[in-house]
Protein backbone atom coordinates (compact mmCIF):
# COMPACT_ATOMS: atom_id res chain seq x y z
CA UNK A 1 -14.05 17.28 -7.91
CA UNK A 2 -13.61 14.45 -4.87
CA UNK A 3 -14.49 11.28 -6.30
CA UNK A 4 -15.84 8.13 -3.95
CA UNK A 5 -14.52 4.53 -4.64
CA UNK A 6 -16.23 1.73 -3.77
CA UNK A 7 -15.11 -1.46 -2.54
CA UNK A 8 -17.60 -4.50 -4.61
CA UNK A 9 -15.70 -7.73 -3.70
CA UNK A 10 -16.64 -10.36 -6.38
CA UNK A 11 -16.46 -14.03 -5.31
CA UNK A 12 -17.57 -17.99 -6.13
CA UNK A 13 -18.40 -20.40 -3.56
CA UNK A 14 -16.15 -23.50 -4.42
CA UNK A 15 -17.37 -26.76 -2.68
CA UNK A 16 -15.65 -29.96 -3.16
CA UNK A 17 -17.04 -32.08 -5.96
CA UNK A 18 -19.49 -28.94 -6.85
CA UNK A 19 -19.84 -26.92 -9.42
CA UNK A 20 -19.73 -23.01 -9.47
CA UNK A 21 -22.52 -21.35 -8.05
CA UNK A 22 -23.32 -17.85 -7.83
CA UNK A 23 -21.69 -14.40 -8.75
CA UNK A 24 -22.25 -12.86 -5.32
CA UNK A 25 -21.49 -9.10 -4.29
CA UNK A 26 -20.33 -8.72 -0.70
CA UNK A 27 -21.18 -5.21 0.15
CA UNK A 28 -24.06 -4.07 -2.02
CA UNK A 29 -25.15 -3.49 -5.35
CA UNK A 30 -26.45 -0.19 -5.30
CA UNK A 31 -24.17 2.93 -5.40
CA UNK A 32 -24.76 6.72 -5.67
CA UNK A 33 -22.05 8.84 -7.43
CA UNK A 34 -21.34 12.49 -8.59
CA UNK A 35 -21.49 13.48 -12.09
CA UNK A 36 -18.15 13.03 -13.47
CA UNK A 37 -16.86 11.19 -9.91
CA UNK A 38 -16.26 7.66 -10.05
CA UNK A 39 -16.18 4.00 -8.29
CA UNK A 40 -14.06 0.95 -9.00
CA UNK A 41 -14.98 -2.51 -8.85
CA UNK A 42 -12.61 -4.09 -6.76
CA UNK A 43 -12.41 -8.25 -7.36
CA UNK A 44 -11.28 -10.14 -3.89
CA UNK A 45 -11.00 -13.76 -5.43
CA UNK A 46 -7.72 -14.43 -7.61
CA UNK A 47 -9.27 -17.52 -8.66
CA UNK A 48 -12.23 -16.56 -10.52
CA UNK A 49 -12.70 -17.83 -13.74
CA UNK A 50 -12.13 -16.52 -16.82
CA UNK A 51 -12.12 -12.23 -17.01
CA UNK A 52 -15.30 -10.11 -16.19
CA UNK A 53 -16.90 -7.93 -18.87
CA UNK A 54 -19.14 -5.16 -18.69
CA UNK A 55 -21.90 -3.52 -19.49
CA UNK A 56 -24.43 -0.41 -19.35
CA UNK A 57 -27.72 0.09 -19.83
CA UNK A 58 -27.72 3.78 -21.14
CA UNK A 59 -25.06 6.54 -21.21
CA UNK A 60 -25.76 7.57 -17.68
CA UNK A 61 -22.61 6.04 -16.69
CA UNK A 62 -20.03 4.84 -18.32
CA UNK A 63 -17.30 1.66 -17.64
CA UNK A 64 -13.93 0.57 -18.16
CA UNK A 65 -12.60 -2.88 -19.21
CA UNK A 66 -10.83 -2.68 -15.62
CA UNK A 67 -14.38 -1.97 -13.98
CA UNK A 68 -13.96 1.69 -13.05
CA UNK A 69 -16.96 3.22 -13.35
CA UNK A 70 -18.00 7.00 -14.18
CA UNK A 71 -20.87 9.55 -13.77
CA UNK A 72 -21.43 10.91 -16.58
CA UNK A 73 -24.79 12.62 -16.20
CA UNK A 74 -27.41 12.60 -13.58
CA UNK A 75 -29.93 9.52 -14.28
CA UNK A 76 -30.05 5.79 -13.27
CA UNK A 77 -28.68 3.18 -15.07
CA UNK A 78 -27.91 -0.66 -14.52
CA UNK A 79 -23.90 -2.12 -14.41
CA UNK A 80 -24.17 -5.91 -16.13
CA UNK A 81 -20.85 -7.52 -14.94
CA UNK A 82 -20.07 -11.64 -16.51
CA UNK A 83 -17.65 -13.73 -15.57
CA UNK A 84 -17.59 -17.18 -17.60
CA UNK A 85 -21.34 -17.88 -17.58
CA UNK A 86 -21.72 -16.13 -14.42
CA UNK A 87 -24.18 -12.76 -14.50
CA UNK A 88 -24.27 -10.19 -11.57
CA UNK A 89 -25.62 -6.33 -11.81
CA UNK A 90 -25.32 -3.30 -9.81
CA UNK A 91 -27.37 0.01 -10.06
CA UNK A 92 -26.09 3.16 -10.30
CA UNK A 93 -27.43 6.30 -9.18
CA UNK A 94 -25.88 9.50 -10.88
CA UNK A 95 -26.74 12.82 -9.05
CA UNK A 96 -25.21 16.22 -9.45
CA UNK A 97 -24.24 16.92 -5.81
CA UNK A 98 -23.83 14.41 -2.93
CA UNK A 99 -24.37 17.25 -0.48
CA UNK A 100 -25.22 16.50 3.03
CA UNK A 101 -23.43 13.25 2.87
CA UNK A 102 -19.98 15.13 2.85
CA UNK A 103 -20.69 16.06 6.50
CA UNK A 104 -17.81 14.69 8.73
CA UNK A 105 -18.98 11.41 9.51
CA UNK A 106 -16.62 10.99 12.26
CA UNK A 107 -17.17 14.01 14.21
CA UNK A 108 -18.46 12.47 17.62
CA UNK A 109 -16.91 8.95 16.82
CA UNK A 110 -16.29 7.05 19.91
CA UNK A 111 -12.85 6.20 19.71
CA UNK A 112 -12.92 2.72 21.27
CA UNK A 113 -15.96 1.95 19.30
CA UNK A 114 -14.83 2.74 16.47
CA UNK A 115 -11.65 0.30 16.37
CA UNK A 116 -13.71 -2.52 18.02
CA UNK A 117 -15.81 -2.25 15.16
CA UNK A 118 -12.67 -1.28 12.49
CA UNK A 119 -13.35 -1.25 8.83
CA UNK A 120 -10.76 0.28 6.45
CA UNK A 121 -11.26 3.61 5.00
CA UNK A 122 -13.81 3.27 1.85
CA UNK A 123 -13.19 5.96 -0.21
CA UNK A 124 -10.78 9.20 -0.27
CA UNK A 125 -13.53 11.69 1.80
CA UNK A 126 -13.57 8.66 4.11
CA UNK A 127 -10.02 8.63 4.48
CA UNK A 128 -9.63 12.56 5.24
CA UNK A 129 -12.50 12.73 7.62
CA UNK A 130 -10.75 10.02 9.31
CA UNK A 131 -7.34 11.70 9.31
CA UNK A 132 -8.99 14.52 10.84
CA UNK A 133 -9.93 12.52 13.89
CA UNK A 134 -6.31 10.79 14.30
CA UNK A 135 -7.93 7.68 12.86
CA UNK A 136 -6.41 4.69 11.06
CA UNK A 137 -7.04 4.63 7.09
CA UNK A 138 -5.45 1.18 6.26
CA UNK A 139 -5.08 -2.45 8.50
CA UNK A 140 -4.70 -2.11 11.70
CA UNK A 141 -3.12 -5.85 11.82
CA UNK A 142 0.89 -5.18 13.34
CA UNK A 143 2.83 -7.31 10.61
CA UNK A 144 6.23 -9.84 11.31
CA UNK A 145 8.87 -8.63 10.95
CA UNK A 146 9.34 -11.37 7.42
CA UNK A 147 7.33 -10.03 4.37
CA UNK A 148 4.75 -12.13 3.08
CA UNK A 149 5.84 -12.99 -0.01
CA UNK A 150 3.92 -13.82 -3.05
CA UNK A 151 3.40 -17.39 -4.43
CA UNK A 152 3.81 -16.16 -8.14
CA UNK A 153 6.34 -12.98 -8.67
CA UNK A 154 6.26 -12.63 -12.59
CA UNK A 155 10.20 -12.83 -13.85
CA UNK A 156 11.64 -11.41 -17.31
CA UNK A 157 14.64 -14.23 -17.82
CA UNK A 158 16.17 -14.30 -14.43
CA UNK A 159 15.58 -11.38 -13.41
CA UNK A 160 12.34 -10.55 -11.14
CA UNK A 161 10.11 -8.08 -12.89
CA UNK A 162 9.08 -4.83 -10.97
CA UNK A 163 5.97 -3.13 -11.75
CA UNK A 164 6.03 0.18 -13.41
CA UNK A 165 2.43 0.90 -13.60
CA UNK A 166 0.97 3.49 -11.27
CA UNK A 167 -3.18 4.04 -11.26
CA UNK A 168 -4.06 6.90 -9.54
CA UNK A 169 -7.65 8.06 -9.07
CA UNK A 170 -9.21 11.39 -7.16
CA UNK A 171 -6.95 14.04 -8.84
CA UNK A 172 -4.24 11.60 -7.41
CA UNK A 173 -4.75 11.06 -4.16
CA UNK A 174 -5.63 7.33 -4.47
CA UNK A 175 -3.68 4.60 -5.58
CA UNK A 176 -4.25 1.30 -6.45
CA UNK A 177 -2.21 -1.59 -5.81
CA UNK A 178 -1.86 -4.51 -7.77
CA UNK A 179 -1.37 -8.15 -7.22
CA UNK A 180 1.42 -10.13 -9.14
CA UNK A 181 -1.17 -10.46 -12.37
CA UNK A 182 -2.13 -7.19 -12.48
CA UNK A 183 -5.67 -7.30 -10.65
CA UNK A 184 -6.44 -4.42 -8.45
CA UNK A 185 -7.05 -5.49 -5.11
CA UNK A 186 -6.23 -2.71 -2.71
CA UNK A 187 -6.29 1.25 -2.75
CA UNK A 188 -4.26 3.60 -0.34
CA UNK A 189 -5.71 7.28 0.15
CA UNK A 190 -2.81 10.26 0.15
CA UNK A 191 -2.75 11.71 4.09
CA UNK A 192 -4.45 8.21 5.27
CA UNK A 193 -2.58 6.56 8.61
CA UNK A 194 -1.31 3.25 7.64
CA UNK A 195 0.75 0.60 9.87
CA UNK A 196 1.40 -2.30 7.28
CA UNK A 197 4.31 -3.19 4.79
CA UNK A 198 2.86 -3.49 2.43
CA UNK A 199 0.84 -0.44 2.83
CA UNK A 200 3.37 1.55 3.87
CA UNK A 201 5.68 0.61 1.19
CA UNK A 202 2.82 1.05 -1.71
CA UNK A 203 2.19 4.81 0.29
CA UNK A 204 5.73 6.15 0.35
CA UNK A 205 6.28 4.77 -3.60
CA UNK A 206 3.12 6.41 -4.67
CA UNK A 207 2.94 9.80 -2.91
CA UNK A 208 6.70 10.18 -2.20
CA UNK A 209 5.75 10.90 1.40
CA UNK A 210 4.97 8.87 4.99
CA UNK A 211 1.61 8.73 5.92
CA UNK A 212 -0.12 11.45 8.82
CA UNK A 213 1.20 8.97 11.64
CA UNK A 214 4.74 9.42 10.97
CA UNK A 215 6.42 11.83 12.43
CA UNK A 216 10.08 12.45 11.86
CA UNK A 217 11.66 12.33 15.66
CA UNK A 218 12.58 9.13 17.51
CA UNK A 219 11.48 9.93 20.71
CA UNK A 220 7.65 10.64 20.66
CA UNK A 221 5.62 8.67 23.61
CA UNK A 222 2.55 7.11 22.07
CA UNK A 223 1.11 8.79 25.21
CA UNK A 224 1.87 12.37 23.94
CA UNK A 225 0.48 11.51 20.30
CA UNK A 226 -3.00 11.42 19.54
CA UNK A 227 -2.40 8.30 16.92
CA UNK A 228 -1.62 6.28 20.15
CA UNK A 229 -0.62 2.87 19.36
CA UNK A 230 -0.51 3.48 15.71
CA UNK A 231 1.87 6.15 16.16
CA UNK A 232 5.27 5.58 14.32
CA UNK A 233 8.90 7.25 14.45
CA UNK A 234 11.64 8.28 12.23
CA UNK A 235 11.21 10.15 9.30
CA UNK A 236 14.85 10.91 8.75
CA UNK A 237 17.45 11.55 5.94
CA UNK A 238 19.33 7.93 4.88
CA UNK A 239 22.81 8.19 3.94
CA UNK A 240 23.79 4.97 3.50
CA UNK A 241 27.11 6.02 3.88
CA UNK A 242 29.38 2.29 3.64
CA UNK A 243 32.28 3.72 4.73
CA UNK A 244 31.11 4.36 7.95
CA UNK A 245 28.92 1.26 8.12
CA UNK A 246 31.12 -1.25 5.78
CA UNK A 247 28.49 -3.93 6.16
CA UNK A 248 25.42 -1.97 4.48
CA UNK A 249 25.24 -2.80 0.83
CA UNK A 250 24.80 0.18 -1.41
CA UNK A 251 21.30 1.16 -2.62
CA UNK A 252 21.02 2.29 -5.99
CA UNK A 253 21.91 5.87 -6.86
CA UNK A 254 22.20 6.69 -3.22
CA UNK A 255 23.54 10.55 -2.81
CA UNK A 256 25.59 9.41 0.35
CA UNK A 257 27.54 7.52 -2.04
CA UNK A 258 27.85 9.93 -4.88
CA UNK A 259 24.06 9.40 -6.69
CA UNK A 260 21.40 11.31 -7.46
CA UNK A 261 18.78 10.34 -5.63
CA UNK A 262 18.30 11.28 -1.32
CA UNK A 263 17.05 8.33 0.77
CA UNK A 264 14.67 8.78 3.77
CA UNK A 265 14.03 5.85 6.30
CA UNK A 266 11.26 5.13 8.27
CA UNK A 267 10.72 2.69 11.32
CA UNK A 268 8.61 0.10 10.13
CA UNK A 269 6.63 -1.64 13.39
CA UNK A 270 6.40 -5.75 13.76
CA UNK A 271 5.19 -7.31 16.40
CA UNK A 272 9.12 -7.74 17.08
CA UNK A 273 12.25 -8.58 15.15
CA UNK A 274 14.79 -11.52 16.62
CA UNK A 275 17.27 -11.24 14.09
CA UNK A 276 19.04 -8.51 16.27
CA UNK A 277 20.13 -8.82 19.87
CA UNK A 278 20.46 -5.43 19.90
CA UNK A 279 17.11 -4.63 19.53
CA UNK A 280 14.63 -6.47 22.00
CA UNK A 281 11.74 -8.87 19.80
CA UNK A 282 8.94 -6.96 21.40
CA UNK A 283 5.50 -5.67 19.98
CA UNK A 284 6.89 -2.09 18.07
CA UNK A 285 4.55 0.32 20.04
CA UNK A 286 1.95 -1.24 22.86
CA UNK A 287 0.46 2.24 23.41
CA UNK A 288 2.30 3.43 26.33
CA UNK A 289 6.21 2.68 24.85
CA UNK A 290 7.87 2.13 21.51
CA UNK A 291 10.61 -0.48 21.45
CA UNK A 292 11.51 0.60 18.10
CA UNK A 293 12.83 -2.96 16.51
CA UNK A 294 15.23 -3.26 13.74
CA UNK A 295 13.17 -3.15 10.90
CA UNK A 296 13.18 0.09 8.43
CA UNK A 297 11.79 1.20 5.28
CA UNK A 298 13.87 3.25 2.77
CA UNK A 299 12.65 4.95 0.21
CA UNK A 300 13.43 7.91 -2.73
CA UNK A 301 12.13 11.02 -1.66
CA UNK A 302 14.01 14.19 -3.46
CA UNK A 303 16.50 14.28 -6.63
CA UNK A 304 19.37 15.97 -6.98
CA UNK A 305 17.89 19.04 -7.47
CA UNK A 306 15.81 18.91 -4.09
CA UNK A 307 12.68 18.07 -6.36
CA UNK A 308 10.26 15.23 -5.33
CA UNK A 309 10.49 11.80 -7.51
CA UNK A 310 7.77 12.15 -10.14
CA UNK A 311 9.34 9.26 -12.65
CA UNK A 312 8.20 5.92 -11.30
CA UNK A 313 11.72 4.31 -12.97
CA UNK A 314 13.48 6.76 -10.27
CA UNK A 315 11.49 5.59 -7.50
CA UNK A 316 12.91 3.00 -4.84
CA UNK A 317 11.93 1.17 -1.97
CA UNK A 318 13.66 -1.38 0.03
CA UNK A 319 12.82 -3.13 3.24
CA UNK A 320 15.04 -4.63 6.13
CA UNK A 321 14.27 -6.15 9.17
CA UNK A 322 17.65 -6.84 10.67
CA UNK A 323 18.97 -3.26 10.79
CA UNK A 324 20.14 -2.16 7.29
CA UNK A 325 22.53 -5.53 7.03
CA UNK A 326 20.29 -6.81 4.50
CA UNK A 327 17.61 -5.43 2.19
CA UNK A 328 14.55 -6.41 -0.31
CA UNK A 329 13.29 -4.29 -2.58
CA UNK A 330 9.53 -3.57 -2.83
CA UNK A 331 8.29 -4.30 -6.37
CA UNK A 332 4.86 -2.77 -6.70
CA UNK A 333 2.61 -4.73 -6.29
CA UNK A 334 0.88 -6.98 -3.16
CA UNK A 335 3.32 -9.36 -2.11
CA UNK A 336 6.12 -8.24 -4.34
CA UNK A 337 9.57 -8.61 -2.72
CA UNK A 338 12.92 -8.33 -4.16
CA UNK A 339 15.79 -10.93 -3.60
CA UNK A 340 17.73 -9.87 -0.35
CA UNK A 341 21.01 -8.95 -0.85
CA UNK A 342 23.82 -7.66 1.62
CA UNK A 343 26.11 -8.62 4.58
CA UNK A 344 24.39 -11.66 6.47
CA UNK A 345 23.25 -12.80 2.46
CA UNK A 346 27.10 -12.59 1.91
CA UNK A 347 28.09 -14.55 4.99
CA UNK A 348 29.40 -11.58 7.09
CA UNK A 349 28.26 -10.85 10.86
CA UNK A 350 25.83 -9.31 11.95
CA UNK A 351 26.42 -4.99 11.94
CA UNK A 352 29.94 -5.98 11.82
CA UNK A 353 33.08 -3.59 10.51
CA UNK A 354 35.59 -6.32 10.64
CA UNK A 355 33.85 -9.47 9.13
CA UNK A 356 31.21 -8.18 6.50
CA UNK A 357 30.74 -9.07 3.22
CA UNK A 358 27.77 -7.30 1.51
CA UNK A 359 26.25 -8.32 -1.90
CA UNK A 360 25.63 -5.68 -4.04
CA UNK A 361 21.76 -4.80 -5.05
CA UNK A 362 20.15 -7.80 -7.43
CA UNK A 363 18.70 -5.94 -10.50
CA UNK A 364 15.07 -6.15 -11.35
CA UNK A 365 13.19 -5.69 -15.12
CA UNK A 366 11.04 -3.25 -15.10
CA UNK A 367 7.37 -4.25 -16.78
CA UNK A 368 3.84 -2.06 -17.09
CA UNK A 369 1.65 -4.80 -15.28
CA UNK A 370 -1.82 -3.34 -16.22
């Protein structure tokens, strides 16, 4: 059964010299779900004091301690949310069948109007219908080459922590992204279209595949693709062969160097990469042409038997924006990027086969955030 996700963003208005005012629900306080379906309450403001508590007025719906509402039987109830001394409510209607609400909402969409008034997908079903019409599900802001790293990155001793929790919903079709504190801050959907570093990195980690706007080839022009300026290229095997490319650092357990995990690579379309003179510092895709740049994501796709990797501890995702000279590991949380390692980090010359000094992969500590 398709489960829908409600984004309910809660934040507190803070004024200089004033106390906290009211607890605000940004996009509505009435939801309707089917029996057995769920909605996830997501907090936008990470500065809320205290931990939210949830209370339901009846057995019509349940709510977990992380704000996941589930419809149990037909009827209506009220969910009360409390944070410190602040309180608000959500009205929940549980029905047996949403029926006509599942009609394709993008059947006759005006694409120009869709993107002029763009909002990200709000559920797996919403994302599913968008993909049918080659419409984006995630943020459409083209990222800069350098990752935005969280101001707080948890450590275990001197090692950065890699989050090993994986929180899925909708029969594995929705994946919740958490921040450095373990709070849910975003959600991505299997089969959706994504272009930002954070969403694409989370996508390949969560689903072991690429978003729907990616293709295997390296030459397809945006004018020949229904994805247009959101087309992304180069979903191919990455050997990591350090004998051919001695300036590249060795990625963990990579099959091209005798390991047991097959890595694949994809382009990460940025606003331009300026660290490699062989690649123009221009936007990746302007809707007419693609300048591929030097930014790539490399991720583990298959094990040594050709099976999809299921164990979160065997899933690796790395980002390079200087064409494989240096990498940073995605740590499975928003803004979570590991220490840079590789050739330039070690003092070598860019892509040089004579003057190179790649530093080794920097191991991380594994810990469940949620």
